[in-house]
């Protein structure tokens, strides 16, 4: 009887370990970015990912950088309906890159603690915006999203010169 209980307990422990491994392998930061942007990033390499969601009501920001060298990500993006060629609209630039003129620089609305942009300025590439706010009528309209008191959206920029995908998810 003790042997049967021991075998069953060992089997259940093994099952839990396998379930945990399966969950982790399917719920990586790269798979979260794939899901958010509807891209296949299986052959891409994650360079970095930081997620500080954990504030009040899940507020926070996630930032990922994906190396897309030797992938078909650029082709996926150019064929996708909601990716747009840079230069971006003014609202996107203000949110992500900031504003610069000959005499001044204004930090981006979405910046780290020191006021620096999470995503570097990209000249040759594509950008993506998706509003996840429950009040959003057109989830791809950045103008309406910028007029709200709280932000819940996904932003991405693909740099064609470096084959790098930058991803940012913001919840306030």
Foldseek 3Di string as FASTA:
>chain_A
DVVVVVVVVVVVVVVVVVVVVVCPVCDDPVNVVCVQVVFDCPVKAWPDKDWPQDPVPRFTKIKTKIQQPPHCRQVVLVPDDFKAWDPDDPLVCQQAPFDDDPVDTGAHVDAPPVRHGSDYDAGGWIKGKAFPDPPDPGRRDSVVQVPDPWGFMKMWIAHPVRRMIMIMTGGD
